[in-house]
N, C-alpha and C. Protein backbone atom coordinates (compact mmCIF):
# COMPACT_ATOMS: atom_id res chain seq x y z
N MET A 1 96.28 61.74 47.52
CA MET A 1 96.45 60.39 46.30
C MET A 1 98.30 60.63 46.40
N SER A 2 99.17 58.93 46.57
CA SER A 2 100.34 59.22 46.38
C SER A 2 100.32 58.00 45.56
N THR A 3 101.58 58.00 45.37
CA THR A 3 102.37 56.82 43.99
C THR A 3 103.32 56.89 44.59
N THR A 4 103.49 55.15 44.50
CA THR A 4 105.04 54.29 45.45
C THR A 4 105.79 53.80 43.71
N PHE A 5 106.69 53.71 43.57
CA PHE A 5 107.59 53.26 42.80
C PHE A 5 108.16 51.77 43.79
N ALA A 6 107.82 50.65 42.80
CA ALA A 6 109.00 49.60 43.17
C ALA A 6 109.46 49.09 42.67
N PRO A 7 110.65 48.53 43.01
CA PRO A 7 111.52 48.10 42.02
C PRO A 7 111.08 47.03 41.32
N SER A 8 111.75 46.83 40.37
CA SER A 8 110.85 45.44 39.51
C SER A 8 111.86 44.32 40.03
N SER A 9 111.38 42.82 39.12
CA SER A 9 112.03 41.69 39.21
C SER A 9 112.19 41.78 38.38
N TRP A 10 111.52 41.60 36.80
CA TRP A 10 112.08 42.03 35.71
C TRP A 10 113.10 42.27 35.36
N PRO A 11 114.13 41.52 34.95
CA PRO A 11 115.13 41.83 34.49
C PRO A 11 115.06 43.34 33.08
N ALA A 12 115.98 44.55 33.22
CA ALA A 12 116.15 45.29 32.30
C ALA A 12 116.63 44.40 30.76
N PRO A 13 116.24 45.08 29.56
CA PRO A 13 116.09 44.15 28.42
C PRO A 13 117.31 45.10 27.87
N ALA A 14 118.05 44.22 27.78
CA ALA A 14 119.86 44.27 27.40
C ALA A 14 119.87 45.11 26.18
N ALA A 15 120.72 46.04 26.73
CA ALA A 15 121.21 47.59 25.49
C ALA A 15 121.61 46.58 24.14
N ALA A 16 121.83 45.66 24.50
CA ALA A 16 123.05 44.61 23.63
C ALA A 16 122.40 44.52 21.92
N GLN A 17 120.99 44.09 22.85
CA GLN A 17 119.82 43.50 21.77
C GLN A 17 119.92 43.97 20.92
N SER A 18 118.77 43.46 19.85
CA SER A 18 118.93 44.55 18.21
C SER A 18 117.97 45.52 18.55
N ALA A 19 118.34 46.40 17.91
CA ALA A 19 117.88 48.32 17.71
C ALA A 19 116.46 47.73 16.77
N TRP A 20 116.19 46.96 16.36
CA TRP A 20 114.89 47.25 15.14
C TRP A 20 113.97 45.77 16.12
N ARG A 21 112.89 47.10 15.87
CA ARG A 21 111.65 46.93 16.82
C ARG A 21 111.21 45.09 15.76
N PHE A 22 110.93 45.39 14.16
CA PHE A 22 111.03 43.67 13.64
C PHE A 22 111.52 43.55 13.35
N GLY A 23 113.06 43.05 13.35
CA GLY A 23 114.17 42.61 12.47
C GLY A 23 114.72 41.76 13.59
N THR A 24 114.93 40.90 13.07
CA THR A 24 116.25 40.43 13.20
C THR A 24 117.34 39.95 12.63
N VAL A 25 119.12 39.64 13.62
CA VAL A 25 119.81 39.75 12.89
C VAL A 25 119.96 37.98 12.92
N LEU A 26 120.54 38.52 11.49
CA LEU A 26 120.77 36.84 10.50
C LEU A 26 121.33 35.75 11.04
N GLY A 27 120.98 34.62 11.81
CA GLY A 27 122.18 34.18 12.81
C GLY A 27 122.48 32.79 12.04
N ASP A 28 122.19 32.58 10.96
CA ASP A 28 122.71 30.58 9.95
C ASP A 28 124.05 30.70 9.77
N GLY A 29 124.67 30.12 10.71
CA GLY A 29 125.78 29.69 10.08
C GLY A 29 126.74 30.29 9.82
N GLU A 30 127.77 30.43 8.56
CA GLU A 30 128.79 31.51 9.10
C GLU A 30 128.45 32.72 8.05
N GLU A 31 126.60 33.12 8.02
CA GLU A 31 126.11 34.88 7.52
C GLU A 31 126.08 35.34 9.10
N ALA A 32 125.94 34.54 10.19
CA ALA A 32 125.69 34.60 11.71
C ALA A 32 126.32 36.62 11.54
N GLY A 33 125.91 37.30 11.86
CA GLY A 33 125.60 38.75 12.17
C GLY A 33 125.77 39.49 10.85
N ALA A 34 125.51 39.11 9.90
CA ALA A 34 125.74 39.78 8.00
C ALA A 34 124.44 40.57 7.73
N GLY A 35 123.51 40.63 8.17
CA GLY A 35 122.56 41.01 7.95
C GLY A 35 121.27 41.57 8.89
N LEU A 36 120.24 41.64 8.23
CA LEU A 36 118.78 41.92 8.99
C LEU A 36 117.42 41.01 8.27
N ARG A 37 117.19 40.43 9.21
CA ARG A 37 115.52 39.25 8.36
C ARG A 37 114.50 40.07 8.80
N TRP A 38 113.23 40.01 8.14
CA TRP A 38 111.81 40.64 9.09
C TRP A 38 110.85 39.61 8.60
N VAL A 39 110.61 39.11 9.66
CA VAL A 39 109.76 37.95 9.09
C VAL A 39 108.01 38.25 9.48
N LEU A 40 107.40 38.87 8.82
CA LEU A 40 105.84 39.39 9.08
C LEU A 40 104.61 37.73 8.74
N MET A 41 104.19 37.30 9.97
CA MET A 41 103.23 36.55 10.01
C MET A 41 102.22 36.37 9.88
N ARG A 42 101.44 36.57 9.92
CA ARG A 42 99.69 35.93 10.10
C ARG A 42 99.39 35.67 11.55
N ASN A 43 98.48 36.54 12.44
CA ASN A 43 98.41 36.04 13.58
C ASN A 43 97.17 35.32 13.55
N CYS A 44 97.83 33.67 13.94
CA CYS A 44 96.66 32.96 14.11
C CYS A 44 96.53 32.43 15.04
N SER A 45 95.48 31.86 15.48
CA SER A 45 95.62 31.62 17.44
C SER A 45 95.67 30.00 17.40
N MET A 46 95.70 29.35 16.53
CA MET A 46 95.99 28.03 15.96
C MET A 46 96.95 26.90 14.87
N SER A 47 97.70 26.43 15.39
CA SER A 47 98.64 25.93 13.69
C SER A 47 97.70 24.73 13.61
N PRO A 48 97.75 24.58 12.48
CA PRO A 48 97.32 23.81 11.42
C PRO A 48 97.33 22.06 12.51
N ARG A 49 98.38 22.20 12.76
CA ARG A 49 98.25 20.30 14.15
C ARG A 49 97.01 20.77 14.61
N GLN A 50 96.92 21.60 15.79
CA GLN A 50 95.84 22.26 16.98
C GLN A 50 94.89 21.93 16.27
N MET A 51 94.54 22.62 15.21
CA MET A 51 93.18 22.41 14.77
C MET A 51 92.67 21.18 14.38
N PHE A 52 93.40 20.39 13.71
CA PHE A 52 93.48 19.24 12.97
C PHE A 52 92.71 18.19 14.23
N GLY A 53 93.30 17.89 15.33
CA GLY A 53 92.77 17.42 16.65
C GLY A 53 91.64 18.23 17.42
N ALA A 54 91.59 19.86 16.54
CA ALA A 54 89.83 20.31 17.30
C ALA A 54 88.93 19.69 16.80
N TYR A 55 89.44 19.84 15.36
CA TYR A 55 88.32 19.13 14.12
C TYR A 55 88.10 17.60 14.19
N LEU A 56 89.03 16.72 14.68
CA LEU A 56 88.55 15.29 14.93
C LEU A 56 87.90 15.60 16.70
N LEU A 57 87.98 16.14 17.07
CA LEU A 57 86.83 16.15 18.77
C LEU A 57 86.29 16.39 18.58
N LEU A 58 85.73 17.31 17.82
CA LEU A 58 84.30 18.29 17.04
C LEU A 58 83.47 17.05 16.61
N CYS A 59 83.84 16.20 15.36
CA CYS A 59 83.81 15.59 14.32
C CYS A 59 83.46 14.16 15.36
N ALA A 60 84.08 13.67 16.32
CA ALA A 60 83.70 12.70 17.66
C ALA A 60 82.42 13.18 18.28
N ILE A 61 82.68 14.32 18.90
CA ILE A 61 80.95 14.65 19.65
C ILE A 61 79.77 14.94 18.51
N SER A 62 80.18 15.20 17.82
CA SER A 62 79.26 15.24 16.99
C SER A 62 78.14 14.27 16.29
N LEU A 63 79.66 13.09 16.07
CA LEU A 63 78.98 12.08 15.00
C LEU A 63 78.62 10.47 16.83
N VAL A 64 79.03 10.89 17.83
CA VAL A 64 77.87 10.29 19.08
C VAL A 64 76.65 11.19 18.85
N ILE A 65 76.34 11.81 18.83
CA ILE A 65 74.97 12.54 19.49
C ILE A 65 74.27 12.16 18.02
N ALA A 66 74.60 12.65 16.44
CA ALA A 66 73.63 11.72 15.78
C ALA A 66 74.06 10.82 15.47
N VAL A 67 74.80 9.93 16.33
CA VAL A 67 74.06 8.15 15.99
C VAL A 67 73.04 8.09 17.43
N SER A 68 73.26 8.74 18.57
CA SER A 68 72.10 8.85 19.05
C SER A 68 70.75 8.91 18.80
N PHE A 69 70.98 9.75 18.10
CA PHE A 69 69.68 10.06 17.40
C PHE A 69 69.30 9.59 16.43
N GLY A 70 69.87 8.79 15.81
CA GLY A 70 70.09 7.52 14.80
C GLY A 70 69.39 6.59 15.15
N PHE A 71 70.34 6.62 16.18
CA PHE A 71 68.88 5.13 16.66
C PHE A 71 67.77 5.07 17.85
N ALA A 72 67.78 6.34 18.25
CA ALA A 72 65.88 6.89 18.69
C ALA A 72 65.12 7.19 17.82
N GLY A 73 65.56 7.20 15.77
CA GLY A 73 64.33 6.91 15.07
C GLY A 73 64.85 8.28 13.59
N ALA A 74 65.69 9.30 14.44
CA ALA A 74 65.78 10.43 13.73
C ALA A 74 67.18 10.37 12.73
N MET A 75 66.92 9.53 11.90
CA MET A 75 67.73 9.51 10.56
C MET A 75 68.25 10.36 10.05
N PRO A 76 67.66 11.65 10.08
CA PRO A 76 68.05 12.58 9.06
C PRO A 76 68.91 13.91 9.71
N VAL A 77 68.97 13.29 11.15
CA VAL A 77 70.51 14.09 12.43
C VAL A 77 72.08 13.71 11.48
N LEU A 78 71.61 12.26 11.37
CA LEU A 78 73.07 11.75 10.82
C LEU A 78 73.38 12.16 9.39
N ALA A 79 72.41 12.86 8.50
CA ALA A 79 72.99 12.86 7.87
C ALA A 79 73.64 14.49 7.41
N PHE A 80 72.57 15.03 7.90
CA PHE A 80 72.71 16.70 8.53
C PHE A 80 73.97 16.72 9.57
N ALA A 81 74.30 15.99 10.12
CA ALA A 81 75.91 16.09 10.68
C ALA A 81 76.83 15.89 10.10
N GLY A 82 77.10 15.00 8.67
CA GLY A 82 78.05 14.49 8.09
C GLY A 82 78.06 15.41 7.17
N ILE A 83 77.40 16.05 6.59
CA ILE A 83 76.90 17.60 5.96
C ILE A 83 77.84 18.77 6.58
N GLU A 84 77.80 18.85 7.74
CA GLU A 84 78.40 20.21 8.51
C GLU A 84 79.19 19.40 8.72
N LEU A 85 79.70 18.10 9.02
CA LEU A 85 81.00 18.31 9.40
C LEU A 85 82.10 18.03 7.94
N VAL A 86 81.31 17.86 6.87
CA VAL A 86 82.29 17.98 5.51
C VAL A 86 82.65 19.59 5.54
N LEU A 87 81.35 20.57 5.68
CA LEU A 87 81.38 21.94 5.32
C LEU A 87 82.20 22.78 6.20
N VAL A 88 82.37 22.51 7.10
CA VAL A 88 82.94 22.30 8.38
C VAL A 88 84.43 22.10 8.24
N GLY A 89 84.92 21.01 7.68
CA GLY A 89 86.77 20.55 7.45
C GLY A 89 87.24 21.48 6.20
N SER A 90 86.02 21.48 5.39
CA SER A 90 86.86 21.91 3.79
C SER A 90 86.88 23.46 3.97
N ALA A 91 86.90 24.34 5.23
CA ALA A 91 86.44 25.63 5.93
C ALA A 91 87.74 25.57 6.26
N LEU A 92 88.20 24.60 7.22
CA LEU A 92 89.28 24.58 7.54
C LEU A 92 90.64 23.80 7.47
N LEU A 93 89.82 23.22 5.92
CA LEU A 93 91.28 22.97 5.12
C LEU A 93 92.68 24.27 4.36
N VAL A 94 91.00 25.28 3.90
CA VAL A 94 91.05 26.56 3.51
C VAL A 94 92.51 28.16 4.42
N TYR A 95 91.29 27.23 5.66
CA TYR A 95 92.07 27.92 6.78
C TYR A 95 93.59 28.00 7.06
N ALA A 96 94.21 26.50 7.03
CA ALA A 96 95.28 25.73 7.88
C ALA A 96 96.09 25.93 6.02
N ARG A 97 95.57 26.00 4.97
CA ARG A 97 96.66 25.94 3.80
C ARG A 97 96.82 27.45 3.87
N HIS A 98 96.56 28.40 4.32
CA HIS A 98 96.78 29.53 4.59
C HIS A 98 97.49 30.33 5.99
N ALA A 99 97.20 29.50 6.84
CA ALA A 99 98.08 29.78 8.27
C ALA A 99 99.50 29.85 7.90
N GLY A 100 100.56 29.62 7.42
CA GLY A 100 101.46 29.97 7.13
C GLY A 100 101.87 31.33 6.35
N ASP A 101 100.80 31.40 6.19
CA ASP A 101 100.96 32.13 4.64
C ASP A 101 102.10 33.54 5.24
N CYS A 102 103.68 34.72 4.90
CA CYS A 102 104.20 35.54 5.53
C CYS A 102 104.52 35.98 4.34
N GLU A 103 105.94 37.24 4.99
CA GLU A 103 106.54 38.33 4.03
C GLU A 103 107.43 37.91 4.89
N THR A 104 108.73 37.41 4.35
CA THR A 104 110.22 37.81 4.64
C THR A 104 111.01 38.65 3.40
N ILE A 105 111.31 39.20 4.66
CA ILE A 105 112.35 40.40 4.56
C ILE A 105 113.63 40.72 4.49
N THR A 106 114.50 40.16 4.05
CA THR A 106 116.47 39.89 4.30
C THR A 106 116.85 40.92 3.12
N LEU A 107 118.09 41.32 4.39
CA LEU A 107 118.96 42.43 3.92
C LEU A 107 120.38 42.36 4.15
N ALA A 108 120.53 41.32 3.14
CA ALA A 108 122.20 40.75 3.57
C ALA A 108 122.89 41.06 2.23
N ASP A 109 124.20 41.35 2.32
CA ASP A 109 125.11 41.42 1.23
C ASP A 109 124.63 42.38 0.66
N ASP A 110 124.36 43.63 0.36
CA ASP A 110 123.79 44.65 -0.39
C ASP A 110 122.54 44.55 -0.91
N THR A 111 121.71 43.29 -1.09
CA THR A 111 120.87 42.78 -1.04
C THR A 111 119.53 42.73 -0.44
N LEU A 112 118.31 43.09 -0.94
CA LEU A 112 116.56 43.12 -0.54
C LEU A 112 116.55 42.37 -0.95
N LEU A 113 116.12 41.08 -0.33
CA LEU A 113 115.54 39.92 -0.75
C LEU A 113 114.06 39.79 0.22
N VAL A 114 112.59 40.08 -1.24
CA VAL A 114 111.41 40.32 -0.59
C VAL A 114 110.68 39.23 -1.34
N GLU A 115 110.24 38.14 0.19
CA GLU A 115 109.39 36.62 -0.27
C GLU A 115 108.02 36.91 0.28
N HIS A 116 106.75 36.76 -0.66
CA HIS A 116 105.67 36.69 -0.27
C HIS A 116 105.26 34.92 -0.54
N GLN A 117 104.97 34.51 0.64
CA GLN A 117 104.18 33.16 0.53
C GLN A 117 103.16 33.14 0.90
N CYS A 118 101.97 32.71 0.55
CA CYS A 118 100.87 32.63 0.27
C CYS A 118 100.10 31.38 -0.58
N GLY A 119 99.74 30.81 0.61
CA GLY A 119 99.39 29.07 0.51
C GLY A 119 100.54 28.44 -0.45
N SER A 120 100.41 27.60 -1.84
CA SER A 120 101.57 26.75 -1.50
C SER A 120 102.39 27.80 -2.99
N ARG A 121 102.25 29.12 -3.31
CA ARG A 121 102.44 30.08 -3.68
C ARG A 121 103.78 30.63 -3.20
N THR A 122 105.21 31.21 -3.84
CA THR A 122 106.24 32.44 -3.24
C THR A 122 105.95 33.33 -4.10
N GLU A 123 106.35 34.26 -4.03
CA GLU A 123 106.77 35.57 -5.03
C GLU A 123 107.69 35.72 -4.14
N ARG A 124 109.10 35.84 -5.67
CA ARG A 124 110.36 36.82 -4.94
C ARG A 124 110.57 37.64 -5.60
N ALA A 125 111.40 38.95 -5.53
CA ALA A 125 111.92 39.95 -5.86
C ALA A 125 113.04 40.25 -4.93
N ARG A 126 114.38 40.31 -5.77
CA ARG A 126 114.93 40.78 -5.45
C ARG A 126 115.45 42.64 -5.73
N PHE A 127 116.03 43.05 -4.73
CA PHE A 127 116.32 44.74 -4.65
C PHE A 127 118.25 44.43 -4.78
N ARG A 128 118.66 45.83 -4.96
CA ARG A 128 120.42 45.72 -4.43
C ARG A 128 120.22 47.16 -3.58
N SER A 129 120.08 46.49 -2.55
CA SER A 129 119.38 48.13 -1.45
C SER A 129 120.15 49.41 -1.64
N ALA A 130 121.27 49.51 -2.26
CA ALA A 130 121.76 51.04 -3.03
C ALA A 130 120.36 51.83 -3.72
N TRP A 131 119.66 50.96 -4.20
CA TRP A 131 118.73 51.21 -5.20
C TRP A 131 116.95 51.17 -5.02
N VAL A 132 116.73 50.50 -3.46
CA VAL A 132 115.43 50.37 -3.18
C VAL A 132 114.81 51.83 -2.63
N ARG A 133 113.67 52.33 -2.78
CA ARG A 133 113.37 53.27 -2.44
C ARG A 133 111.38 52.28 -1.83
N VAL A 134 111.32 53.02 -0.42
CA VAL A 134 110.69 52.67 0.21
C VAL A 134 109.84 53.87 0.56
N GLU A 135 108.34 53.57 -0.30
CA GLU A 135 107.84 54.34 -0.97
C GLU A 135 106.42 54.99 0.11
N PRO A 136 106.22 56.08 -0.08
CA PRO A 136 105.33 56.73 1.06
C PRO A 136 103.84 55.84 1.35
N GLN A 137 103.86 55.75 2.15
CA GLN A 137 102.15 55.03 2.14
C GLN A 137 101.15 56.65 1.63
N HIS A 138 100.60 56.69 0.51
CA HIS A 138 99.58 56.89 0.05
C HIS A 138 98.62 57.59 0.83
N ALA A 139 97.56 56.52 1.19
CA ALA A 139 96.50 56.31 1.96
C ALA A 139 95.99 55.54 3.73
N GLU A 140 95.70 56.03 4.31
CA GLU A 140 95.49 55.31 5.81
C GLU A 140 95.94 53.61 5.18
N GLY A 141 96.63 53.07 6.21
CA GLY A 141 96.48 51.73 5.77
C GLY A 141 97.25 50.73 4.74
N SER A 142 97.52 51.73 3.36
CA SER A 142 97.95 50.95 2.34
C SER A 142 99.45 50.12 2.71
N LEU A 143 99.62 49.69 1.81
CA LEU A 143 101.19 48.62 1.84
C LEU A 143 101.86 49.27 1.80
N ILE A 144 102.80 49.15 1.87
CA ILE A 144 104.44 49.53 2.33
C ILE A 144 105.05 48.99 0.48
N GLU A 145 105.27 50.38 0.09
CA GLU A 145 106.14 49.51 -1.56
C GLU A 145 107.41 49.71 -1.63
N LEU A 146 108.61 48.41 -2.15
CA LEU A 146 109.61 48.73 -2.42
C LEU A 146 109.59 48.45 -4.02
N SER A 147 110.43 50.29 -4.22
CA SER A 147 110.55 49.83 -5.43
C SER A 147 112.18 50.32 -6.11
N GLY A 148 112.27 49.85 -7.37
CA GLY A 148 114.01 49.52 -7.52
C GLY A 148 114.23 49.55 -8.73
N GLU A 149 114.94 49.64 -9.40
CA GLU A 149 115.52 48.82 -10.89
C GLU A 149 113.99 48.37 -11.84
N GLY A 150 112.86 48.60 -11.85
CA GLY A 150 112.02 48.84 -12.75
C GLY A 150 110.91 47.54 -11.96
N GLN A 151 111.37 47.20 -10.46
CA GLN A 151 110.58 46.41 -10.19
C GLN A 151 109.38 47.01 -8.99
N ARG A 152 108.70 46.19 -8.61
CA ARG A 152 108.10 46.57 -7.43
C ARG A 152 107.58 45.56 -6.46
N ALA A 153 107.63 45.58 -5.23
CA ALA A 153 107.25 44.67 -4.15
C ALA A 153 106.38 45.22 -3.22
N HIS A 154 104.97 45.00 -3.13
CA HIS A 154 104.39 45.19 -1.57
C HIS A 154 104.81 45.11 -0.57
N ILE A 155 104.64 45.20 0.89
CA ILE A 155 104.93 44.44 1.95
C ILE A 155 104.05 44.93 3.20
N GLY A 156 103.96 44.20 3.47
CA GLY A 156 103.25 44.55 5.43
C GLY A 156 101.92 44.07 5.16
N ARG A 157 101.87 43.69 4.45
CA ARG A 157 100.08 42.70 4.62
C ARG A 157 99.50 42.33 5.93
N TYR A 158 100.87 41.29 6.47
CA TYR A 158 100.53 40.74 8.16
C TYR A 158 100.64 41.89 9.05
N LEU A 159 100.79 43.04 8.79
CA LEU A 159 100.64 44.28 9.94
C LEU A 159 99.70 44.65 10.23
N ARG A 160 99.17 45.07 11.02
CA ARG A 160 98.34 46.29 11.72
C ARG A 160 98.45 47.91 10.67
N PRO A 161 97.58 48.87 10.00
CA PRO A 161 97.91 49.79 9.32
C PRO A 161 98.77 50.88 9.86
N HIS A 162 98.74 50.74 11.80
CA HIS A 162 100.00 51.89 11.94
C HIS A 162 100.93 51.15 12.35
N TRP A 163 101.00 50.12 12.25
CA TRP A 163 102.96 49.40 12.61
C TRP A 163 103.24 49.26 11.21
N ARG A 164 102.76 49.79 10.19
CA ARG A 164 103.83 49.55 8.90
C ARG A 164 104.40 50.35 8.77
N VAL A 165 103.35 51.98 9.03
CA VAL A 165 104.97 53.46 9.18
C VAL A 165 106.03 53.24 9.76
N ALA A 166 105.60 52.28 10.89
CA ALA A 166 107.44 51.85 11.72
C ALA A 166 108.06 51.00 11.11
N LEU A 167 107.11 49.89 10.21
CA LEU A 167 108.05 49.22 9.40
C LEU A 167 109.59 50.17 8.61
N ALA A 168 108.20 50.70 8.00
CA ALA A 168 109.20 51.88 6.55
C ALA A 168 109.95 52.28 7.33
N GLN A 169 109.86 53.38 8.51
CA GLN A 169 111.38 53.93 8.83
C GLN A 169 112.21 53.15 9.67
N GLU A 170 111.76 51.62 9.84
CA GLU A 170 113.38 51.04 10.22
C GLU A 170 113.91 50.36 9.15
N LEU A 171 112.83 50.02 7.24
CA LEU A 171 113.69 49.82 6.15
C LEU A 171 114.46 51.03 6.60
N ARG A 172 113.83 52.21 5.97
CA ARG A 172 114.84 53.21 5.90
C ARG A 172 115.91 53.47 6.03
N ARG A 173 116.08 53.23 7.88
CA ARG A 173 117.29 53.08 7.92
C ARG A 173 118.12 52.32 8.09
N ALA A 174 117.67 50.57 8.19
CA ALA A 174 118.64 49.92 7.73
C ALA A 174 119.34 49.49 6.47
N LEU A 175 118.55 50.32 5.28
CA LEU A 175 119.25 50.74 4.19
C LEU A 175 119.40 51.62 3.55
N ARG A 176 119.91 52.53 4.70
CA ARG A 176 120.45 53.79 4.88
C ARG A 176 122.13 53.13 5.27
N GLY A 177 121.47 52.68 6.49
CA GLY A 177 123.13 51.69 6.74
C GLY A 177 123.75 50.41 6.61
N ALA A 178 123.13 50.10 5.30
CA ALA A 178 123.29 49.19 4.37
C ALA A 178 124.01 49.74 3.08
N ARG A 179 124.09 51.15 2.90
CA ARG A 179 124.02 51.72 1.29
C ARG A 179 126.40 52.13 1.59
N PRO A 180 126.71 51.65 0.83
CA PRO A 180 127.95 51.32 0.33
C PRO A 180 128.30 53.02 0.49
N SER A 181 129.26 53.11 1.21
CA SER A 181 129.89 54.63 0.90
C SER A 181 130.37 55.25 -0.42
N ASN A 182 130.08 56.83 -0.54
CA ASN A 182 130.69 57.28 -1.45
C ASN A 182 131.37 57.41 -3.23
N THR A 183 132.72 56.91 -1.96
CA THR A 183 133.70 56.38 -3.36
C THR A 183 133.42 55.08 -2.79
N GLU A 184 132.44 53.68 -3.34
CA GLU A 184 132.24 52.64 -3.87
C GLU A 184 131.75 53.62 -4.69
N PHE A 185 130.39 53.75 -4.75
CA PHE A 185 129.62 54.21 -5.55
C PHE A 185 130.54 54.83 -6.87
N GLU A 186 131.33 55.71 -6.56
CA GLU A 186 132.18 56.34 -7.37
C GLU A 186 133.26 55.25 -8.53
N SER A 187 133.80 54.20 -7.93
CA SER A 187 134.58 53.10 -8.23
C SER A 187 133.58 52.42 -9.49
N ALA A 188 132.24 52.14 -8.69
CA ALA A 188 131.27 51.09 -9.77
C ALA A 188 130.38 52.44 -10.60
N LEU A 189 130.81 53.32 -10.76
CA LEU A 189 130.28 54.23 -11.65
C LEU A 189 131.85 53.70 -12.90
N LYS A 190 132.77 54.16 -12.31
CA LYS A 190 134.14 54.43 -13.37
C LYS A 190 134.02 52.72 -14.64
């Protein structure tokens, strides 16, 4: 048995790309390169717009079949098709409401901002990066806990449990890089 390695036609990843696995460098206007942002989202197979189109197609097919049975004299089929479409539509509405759920973690200007959007609700926690602690996971698969200055935030809801460890390590590295030097701490204490 022999093994042959052929050169790949795919370009090698650039060394200048972000060293962060999950995060990206901010690039909004004046703040370009001024911080890092992590966006953790649900893994949804369809956008709400695509889902609405699929639901309309389902409605059309179900109603064509139900109306044809209704003309044949089986009127209860039409009633059950209507009930089915209302129930499926309400379930898809709940799905669409939470399809955009996400967690956004932004590290910029010595501030760590954690936003959790769930449906129409948004929770925010703002920490000074010098005082944030990334708590270790106490149990396998538990969320990452950020704490500092009397407040707490839990992140990692939309990550697989084994990726949460990597995110916690990445956040720790980023926070160490964002902390002011000892002279800045001493001047702030005076």
